[in-house]
Amino acid sequence: MKKYFIDTNLVVYANDQRDQEKQEMAIIIISRLMKNRTGVISTQVLQEYAHVALKKLHQRQDVVLRQLALLESFEVIAQTPSLVRRSVEIGTAYQISFWDACIISAAEYGHCDTIYSEDLNSGQFYSGIAVLNPFLKS
């Protein structure tokens, strides 16, 4: 079974009403992965979502807590010292930010085939994992 890593931007867009087209696409993807039980996230994604939701989207705490509980139904990869070291290796190898490398190392640890992300280069492979930007227009 294929597994898909969900980067923070998808979770944020699913909760951001300012861009309804991106919100709809994010909700469709997240709902499908939740239904099929093929989605993977990391504690980093949960942390980044909570921060953005509270500080930039100005969501109420109870809303953010409900969303976090819902997101916990995905397979959640917790950051570990070995994943931090792997992130340093990935960041150096691909010349990307440490935080993007953390996403890739978590996806790698979770045996994901694809990373849904707006931040990484769509179509590129990192550590054998394909990146797909679902918001790119053809």
N, C-alpha and C. Protein backbone atom coordinates (compact mmCIF):
# COMPACT_ATOMS: atom_id res chain seq x y z
N MET A 1 0.84 -1.17 0.00
CA MET A 1 0.00 0.00 0.00
C MET A 1 0.89 1.25 0.00
N LYS A 2 0.58 2.17 -0.88
CA LYS A 2 1.33 3.42 -0.95
C LYS A 2 0.98 4.29 0.25
N LYS A 3 1.99 5.05 0.70
CA LYS A 3 1.79 5.96 1.82
C LYS A 3 2.19 7.36 1.38
N TYR A 4 1.47 8.35 1.91
CA TYR A 4 1.63 9.75 1.50
C TYR A 4 1.89 10.63 2.71
N PHE A 5 2.98 11.37 2.66
CA PHE A 5 3.30 12.30 3.74
C PHE A 5 2.64 13.64 3.46
N ILE A 6 2.04 14.21 4.48
CA ILE A 6 1.33 15.47 4.36
C ILE A 6 2.17 16.57 4.99
N ASP A 7 2.65 17.50 4.17
CA ASP A 7 3.42 18.62 4.68
C ASP A 7 2.47 19.64 5.32
N THR A 8 3.02 20.50 6.12
CA THR A 8 2.25 21.46 6.90
C THR A 8 1.34 22.33 6.04
N ASN A 9 1.83 22.73 4.86
CA ASN A 9 1.03 23.68 4.07
C ASN A 9 -0.33 23.11 3.69
N LEU A 10 -0.43 21.80 3.49
CA LEU A 10 -1.74 21.21 3.19
C LEU A 10 -2.69 21.36 4.38
N VAL A 11 -2.18 21.10 5.56
CA VAL A 11 -3.01 21.21 6.76
C VAL A 11 -3.44 22.66 6.98
N VAL A 12 -2.51 23.58 6.77
CA VAL A 12 -2.84 25.00 6.93
C VAL A 12 -3.89 25.42 5.91
N TYR A 13 -3.68 25.07 4.63
CA TYR A 13 -4.66 25.45 3.61
C TYR A 13 -6.04 24.86 3.89
N ALA A 14 -6.09 23.66 4.44
CA ALA A 14 -7.38 23.05 4.76
C ALA A 14 -8.14 23.87 5.80
N ASN A 15 -7.41 24.67 6.55
CA ASN A 15 -8.01 25.49 7.61
C ASN A 15 -8.04 26.98 7.30
N ASP A 16 -7.62 27.35 6.10
CA ASP A 16 -7.51 28.76 5.73
C ASP A 16 -8.55 29.10 4.67
N GLN A 17 -9.52 29.92 5.03
CA GLN A 17 -10.62 30.25 4.13
C GLN A 17 -10.26 31.34 3.12
N ARG A 18 -9.06 31.90 3.23
CA ARG A 18 -8.69 33.01 2.33
C ARG A 18 -8.46 32.56 0.89
N ASP A 19 -8.10 31.30 0.67
CA ASP A 19 -7.92 30.78 -0.68
C ASP A 19 -8.79 29.53 -0.79
N GLN A 20 -10.02 29.73 -1.24
CA GLN A 20 -11.00 28.63 -1.24
C GLN A 20 -10.61 27.49 -2.16
N GLU A 21 -9.94 27.80 -3.27
CA GLU A 21 -9.53 26.75 -4.20
C GLU A 21 -8.49 25.83 -3.54
N LYS A 22 -7.50 26.42 -2.89
CA LYS A 22 -6.49 25.61 -2.19
C LYS A 22 -7.11 24.90 -0.99
N GLN A 23 -8.02 25.57 -0.31
CA GLN A 23 -8.67 24.94 0.83
C GLN A 23 -9.44 23.69 0.39
N GLU A 24 -10.19 23.81 -0.68
CA GLU A 24 -10.96 22.67 -1.18
C GLU A 24 -10.05 21.51 -1.58
N MET A 25 -8.97 21.81 -2.30
CA MET A 25 -8.04 20.77 -2.73
C MET A 25 -7.39 20.09 -1.52
N ALA A 26 -6.98 20.88 -0.53
CA ALA A 26 -6.35 20.32 0.66
C ALA A 26 -7.32 19.43 1.44
N ILE A 27 -8.55 19.86 1.56
CA ILE A 27 -9.55 19.07 2.28
C ILE A 27 -9.81 17.75 1.55
N ILE A 28 -9.89 17.79 0.23
CA ILE A 28 -10.12 16.56 -0.56
C ILE A 28 -8.98 15.57 -0.32
N ILE A 29 -7.74 16.06 -0.40
CA ILE A 29 -6.58 15.18 -0.23
C ILE A 29 -6.53 14.61 1.18
N ILE A 30 -6.65 15.47 2.17
CA ILE A 30 -6.57 15.01 3.56
C ILE A 30 -7.70 14.03 3.87
N SER A 31 -8.91 14.32 3.41
CA SER A 31 -10.05 13.42 3.64
C SER A 31 -9.82 12.05 2.99
N ARG A 32 -9.31 12.06 1.76
CA ARG A 32 -9.05 10.80 1.07
C ARG A 32 -7.99 9.98 1.81
N LEU A 33 -6.91 10.63 2.23
CA LEU A 33 -5.85 9.91 2.94
C LEU A 33 -6.33 9.40 4.30
N MET A 34 -7.21 10.16 4.92
CA MET A 34 -7.76 9.74 6.21
C MET A 34 -8.66 8.51 6.01
N LYS A 35 -9.51 8.58 4.99
CA LYS A 35 -10.43 7.48 4.70
C LYS A 35 -9.67 6.21 4.33
N ASN A 36 -8.62 6.37 3.50
CA ASN A 36 -7.85 5.20 3.03
C ASN A 36 -6.78 4.76 4.02
N ARG A 37 -6.59 5.54 5.08
CA ARG A 37 -5.57 5.25 6.09
C ARG A 37 -4.17 5.14 5.47
N THR A 38 -3.88 6.06 4.53
CA THR A 38 -2.59 6.06 3.84
C THR A 38 -1.79 7.33 4.09
N GLY A 39 -2.28 8.19 4.98
CA GLY A 39 -1.60 9.45 5.26
C GLY A 39 -0.65 9.34 6.44
N VAL A 40 0.44 10.08 6.34
CA VAL A 40 1.45 10.13 7.39
C VAL A 40 1.79 11.60 7.64
N ILE A 41 1.92 11.97 8.90
CA ILE A 41 2.39 13.31 9.26
C ILE A 41 3.46 13.16 10.33
N SER A 42 4.01 14.26 10.75
CA SER A 42 5.02 14.21 11.81
C SER A 42 4.63 15.18 12.92
N THR A 43 5.31 15.03 14.04
CA THR A 43 5.08 15.97 15.13
C THR A 43 5.44 17.39 14.69
N GLN A 44 6.41 17.53 13.81
CA GLN A 44 6.76 18.85 13.27
C GLN A 44 5.57 19.48 12.57
N VAL A 45 4.85 18.69 11.77
CA VAL A 45 3.67 19.20 11.06
C VAL A 45 2.60 19.63 12.06
N LEU A 46 2.39 18.84 13.10
CA LEU A 46 1.41 19.21 14.12
C LEU A 46 1.80 20.52 14.80
N GLN A 47 3.07 20.66 15.13
CA GLN A 47 3.56 21.88 15.79
C GLN A 47 3.42 23.10 14.88
N GLU A 48 3.85 22.95 13.63
CA GLU A 48 3.78 24.07 12.70
C GLU A 48 2.33 24.48 12.43
N TYR A 49 1.46 23.49 12.26
CA TYR A 49 0.05 23.82 12.05
C TYR A 49 -0.49 24.59 13.25
N ALA A 50 -0.25 24.09 14.47
CA ALA A 50 -0.79 24.74 15.67
C ALA A 50 -0.30 26.18 15.75
N HIS A 51 0.96 26.40 15.49
CA HIS A 51 1.52 27.75 15.55
C HIS A 51 0.84 28.68 14.53
N VAL A 52 0.76 28.22 13.28
CA VAL A 52 0.16 29.05 12.22
C VAL A 52 -1.33 29.27 12.50
N ALA A 53 -2.02 28.23 12.92
CA ALA A 53 -3.47 28.36 13.18
C ALA A 53 -3.75 29.38 14.28
N LEU A 54 -2.96 29.35 15.32
CA LEU A 54 -3.19 30.27 16.44
C LEU A 54 -2.72 31.69 16.13
N LYS A 55 -1.56 31.81 15.51
CA LYS A 55 -0.95 33.14 15.34
C LYS A 55 -1.33 33.83 14.04
N LYS A 56 -1.47 33.09 12.95
CA LYS A 56 -1.73 33.73 11.66
C LYS A 56 -3.19 33.59 11.21
N LEU A 57 -3.79 32.43 11.47
CA LEU A 57 -5.19 32.24 11.09
C LEU A 57 -6.14 32.69 12.20
N HIS A 58 -5.59 32.95 13.37
CA HIS A 58 -6.35 33.43 14.53
C HIS A 58 -7.51 32.49 14.88
N GLN A 59 -7.24 31.19 14.77
CA GLN A 59 -8.26 30.22 15.17
C GLN A 59 -8.30 30.12 16.69
N ARG A 60 -9.46 29.81 17.19
CA ARG A 60 -9.62 29.64 18.63
C ARG A 60 -8.89 28.36 19.07
N GLN A 61 -8.48 28.36 20.31
CA GLN A 61 -7.75 27.21 20.86
C GLN A 61 -8.56 25.93 20.74
N ASP A 62 -9.86 25.98 21.04
CA ASP A 62 -10.67 24.76 20.98
C ASP A 62 -10.73 24.20 19.56
N VAL A 63 -10.74 25.07 18.56
CA VAL A 63 -10.75 24.62 17.16
C VAL A 63 -9.42 23.94 16.83
N VAL A 64 -8.33 24.56 17.24
CA VAL A 64 -7.00 23.99 16.97
C VAL A 64 -6.86 22.65 17.67
N LEU A 65 -7.32 22.55 18.89
CA LEU A 65 -7.22 21.28 19.62
C LEU A 65 -8.05 20.18 18.95
N ARG A 66 -9.23 20.53 18.43
CA ARG A 66 -10.05 19.54 17.71
C ARG A 66 -9.34 19.09 16.44
N GLN A 67 -8.76 20.04 15.72
CA GLN A 67 -8.04 19.69 14.49
C GLN A 67 -6.83 18.80 14.80
N LEU A 68 -6.10 19.13 15.84
CA LEU A 68 -4.95 18.30 16.22
C LEU A 68 -5.39 16.88 16.56
N ALA A 69 -6.48 16.74 17.29
CA ALA A 69 -6.99 15.41 17.63
C ALA A 69 -7.37 14.64 16.37
N LEU A 70 -7.97 15.34 15.41
CA LEU A 70 -8.33 14.70 14.15
C LEU A 70 -7.08 14.27 13.39
N LEU A 71 -6.07 15.13 13.34
CA LEU A 71 -4.83 14.82 12.63
C LEU A 71 -4.08 13.65 13.26
N GLU A 72 -4.29 13.45 14.54
CA GLU A 72 -3.63 12.34 15.23
C GLU A 72 -4.14 10.98 14.77
N SER A 73 -5.20 10.96 13.96
CA SER A 73 -5.67 9.69 13.42
C SER A 73 -4.75 9.19 12.30
N PHE A 74 -3.91 10.09 11.76
CA PHE A 74 -2.89 9.66 10.80
C PHE A 74 -1.76 8.96 11.54
N GLU A 75 -0.95 8.23 10.81
CA GLU A 75 0.30 7.73 11.39
C GLU A 75 1.16 8.97 11.66
N VAL A 76 1.60 9.12 12.89
CA VAL A 76 2.39 10.29 13.28
C VAL A 76 3.83 9.85 13.57
N ILE A 77 4.76 10.46 12.86
CA ILE A 77 6.18 10.19 13.07
C ILE A 77 6.71 11.21 14.07
N ALA A 78 7.20 10.74 15.20
CA ALA A 78 7.75 11.62 16.23
C ALA A 78 9.22 11.89 15.93
N GLN A 79 9.62 13.12 16.14
CA GLN A 79 11.02 13.51 15.93
C GLN A 79 11.89 12.81 16.97
N THR A 80 12.99 12.24 16.53
CA THR A 80 13.94 11.56 17.41
C THR A 80 15.33 12.09 17.12
N PRO A 81 16.28 11.85 18.01
CA PRO A 81 17.66 12.27 17.73
C PRO A 81 18.20 11.69 16.41
N SER A 82 17.88 10.45 16.11
CA SER A 82 18.38 9.86 14.86
C SER A 82 17.74 10.52 13.64
N LEU A 83 16.48 10.95 13.75
CA LEU A 83 15.84 11.66 12.64
C LEU A 83 16.44 13.06 12.47
N VAL A 84 16.83 13.69 13.56
CA VAL A 84 17.49 14.99 13.47
C VAL A 84 18.82 14.82 12.72
N ARG A 85 19.58 13.79 13.08
CA ARG A 85 20.85 13.54 12.37
C ARG A 85 20.59 13.26 10.90
N ARG A 86 19.59 12.46 10.60
CA ARG A 86 19.26 12.16 9.21
C ARG A 86 18.85 13.42 8.46
N SER A 87 18.16 14.31 9.13
CA SER A 87 17.75 15.58 8.52
C SER A 87 18.97 16.42 8.14
N VAL A 88 19.97 16.41 8.98
CA VAL A 88 21.21 17.13 8.67
C VAL A 88 21.84 16.54 7.41
N GLU A 89 21.88 15.22 7.32
CA GLU A 89 22.45 14.56 6.14
C GLU A 89 21.66 14.92 4.88
N ILE A 90 20.34 14.85 4.97
CA ILE A 90 19.48 15.14 3.81
C ILE A 90 19.61 16.61 3.41
N GLY A 91 19.60 17.49 4.37
CA GLY A 91 19.74 18.91 4.08
C GLY A 91 21.03 19.23 3.36
N THR A 92 22.11 18.60 3.79
CA THR A 92 23.41 18.82 3.15
C THR A 92 23.43 18.21 1.76
N ALA A 93 22.92 17.00 1.64
CA ALA A 93 22.95 16.30 0.34
C ALA A 93 22.15 17.04 -0.73
N TYR A 94 21.01 17.59 -0.36
CA TYR A 94 20.12 18.24 -1.34
C TYR A 94 20.18 19.76 -1.30
N GLN A 95 20.99 20.31 -0.38
CA GLN A 95 21.10 21.76 -0.24
C GLN A 95 19.74 22.42 -0.04
N ILE A 96 18.99 21.88 0.93
CA ILE A 96 17.68 22.42 1.28
C ILE A 96 17.69 22.81 2.75
N SER A 97 16.65 23.51 3.17
CA SER A 97 16.59 23.96 4.57
C SER A 97 16.49 22.75 5.50
N PHE A 98 16.96 22.98 6.71
CA PHE A 98 16.89 21.93 7.73
C PHE A 98 15.45 21.49 7.95
N TRP A 99 14.51 22.44 7.98
CA TRP A 99 13.11 22.11 8.26
C TRP A 99 12.49 21.28 7.14
N ASP A 100 12.84 21.59 5.88
CA ASP A 100 12.38 20.76 4.76
C ASP A 100 13.00 19.37 4.85
N ALA A 101 14.27 19.32 5.25
CA ALA A 101 14.94 18.03 5.42
C ALA A 101 14.29 17.20 6.52
N CYS A 102 13.77 17.86 7.56
CA CYS A 102 13.06 17.14 8.62
C CYS A 102 11.79 16.49 8.08
N ILE A 103 11.11 17.17 7.17
CA ILE A 103 9.92 16.60 6.54
C ILE A 103 10.31 15.35 5.76
N ILE A 104 11.38 15.44 5.00
CA ILE A 104 11.82 14.31 4.18
C ILE A 104 12.27 13.14 5.06
N SER A 105 13.02 13.43 6.12
CA SER A 105 13.48 12.34 6.98
C SER A 105 12.30 11.64 7.66
N ALA A 106 11.26 12.40 8.04
CA ALA A 106 10.08 11.79 8.65
C ALA A 106 9.33 10.94 7.62
N ALA A 107 9.23 11.45 6.38
CA ALA A 107 8.58 10.68 5.32
C ALA A 107 9.36 9.41 5.00
N GLU A 108 10.66 9.52 5.01
CA GLU A 108 11.52 8.36 4.78
C GLU A 108 11.32 7.32 5.89
N TYR A 109 11.32 7.78 7.13
CA TYR A 109 11.13 6.89 8.27
C TYR A 109 9.75 6.21 8.21
N GLY A 110 8.76 6.94 7.71
CA GLY A 110 7.40 6.40 7.61
C GLY A 110 7.16 5.58 6.35
N HIS A 111 8.23 5.34 5.57
CA HIS A 111 8.16 4.54 4.34
C HIS A 111 7.13 5.09 3.35
N CYS A 112 7.14 6.41 3.20
CA CYS A 112 6.21 7.06 2.28
C CYS A 112 6.74 7.00 0.85
N ASP A 113 5.81 6.96 -0.09
CA ASP A 113 6.14 6.97 -1.51
C ASP A 113 6.12 8.39 -2.07
N THR A 114 5.27 9.24 -1.46
CA THR A 114 5.05 10.59 -1.96
C THR A 114 4.94 11.56 -0.80
N ILE A 115 5.45 12.77 -1.02
CA ILE A 115 5.26 13.88 -0.08
C ILE A 115 4.39 14.91 -0.79
N TYR A 116 3.23 15.22 -0.22
CA TYR A 116 2.42 16.32 -0.72
C TYR A 116 2.96 17.60 -0.09
N SER A 117 3.51 18.48 -0.93
CA SER A 117 4.12 19.70 -0.41
C SER A 117 4.12 20.80 -1.45
N GLU A 118 3.93 22.00 -0.98
CA GLU A 118 4.05 23.17 -1.83
C GLU A 118 5.47 23.75 -1.73
N ASP A 119 6.21 23.36 -0.70
CA ASP A 119 7.51 23.94 -0.43
C ASP A 119 8.66 23.27 -1.18
N LEU A 120 8.59 21.98 -1.37
CA LEU A 120 9.65 21.24 -2.05
C LEU A 120 9.38 21.24 -3.56
N ASN A 121 10.39 20.90 -4.34
CA ASN A 121 10.26 20.91 -5.80
C ASN A 121 9.38 19.77 -6.29
N SER A 122 8.23 20.11 -6.84
CA SER A 122 7.30 19.11 -7.35
C SER A 122 7.95 18.33 -8.48
N GLY A 123 7.82 17.02 -8.44
CA GLY A 123 8.41 16.15 -9.45
C GLY A 123 9.78 15.64 -9.08
N GLN A 124 10.41 16.26 -8.10
CA GLN A 124 11.74 15.81 -7.68
C GLN A 124 11.61 14.66 -6.69
N PHE A 125 12.65 13.85 -6.66
CA PHE A 125 12.74 12.77 -5.68
C PHE A 125 13.79 13.14 -4.65
N TYR A 126 13.45 12.98 -3.39
CA TYR A 126 14.38 13.16 -2.29
C TYR A 126 14.43 11.84 -1.53
N SER A 127 15.59 11.26 -1.42
CA SER A 127 15.74 9.96 -0.73
C SER A 127 14.76 8.93 -1.28
N GLY A 128 14.53 8.98 -2.58
CA GLY A 128 13.64 8.02 -3.23
C GLY A 128 12.16 8.31 -3.08
N ILE A 129 11.81 9.46 -2.49
CA ILE A 129 10.41 9.82 -2.27
C ILE A 129 10.04 10.93 -3.24
N ALA A 130 8.97 10.74 -3.98
CA ALA A 130 8.51 11.74 -4.95
C ALA A 130 7.80 12.88 -4.23
N VAL A 131 7.98 14.08 -4.75
CA VAL A 131 7.27 15.25 -4.23
C VAL A 131 6.19 15.64 -5.22
N LEU A 132 5.01 15.90 -4.72
CA LEU A 132 3.89 16.31 -5.55
C LEU A 132 3.27 17.56 -4.94
N ASN A 133 3.23 18.63 -5.73
CA ASN A 133 2.56 19.86 -5.32
C ASN A 133 1.15 19.83 -5.90
N PRO A 134 0.14 19.57 -5.07
CA PRO A 134 -1.22 19.44 -5.61
C PRO A 134 -1.83 20.77 -6.03
N PHE A 135 -1.14 21.87 -5.76
CA PHE A 135 -1.68 23.19 -6.07
C PHE A 135 -1.15 23.76 -7.38
N LEU A 136 -0.23 23.04 -8.03
CA LEU A 136 0.31 23.50 -9.30
C LEU A 136 -0.76 23.41 -10.37
N LYS A 137 -0.86 24.43 -11.17
CA LYS A 137 -1.81 24.44 -12.29
C LYS A 137 -1.08 23.86 -13.51
N SER A 138 -1.77 23.02 -14.26
CA SER A 138 -1.12 22.45 -15.45
C SER A 138 -1.25 23.36 -16.65
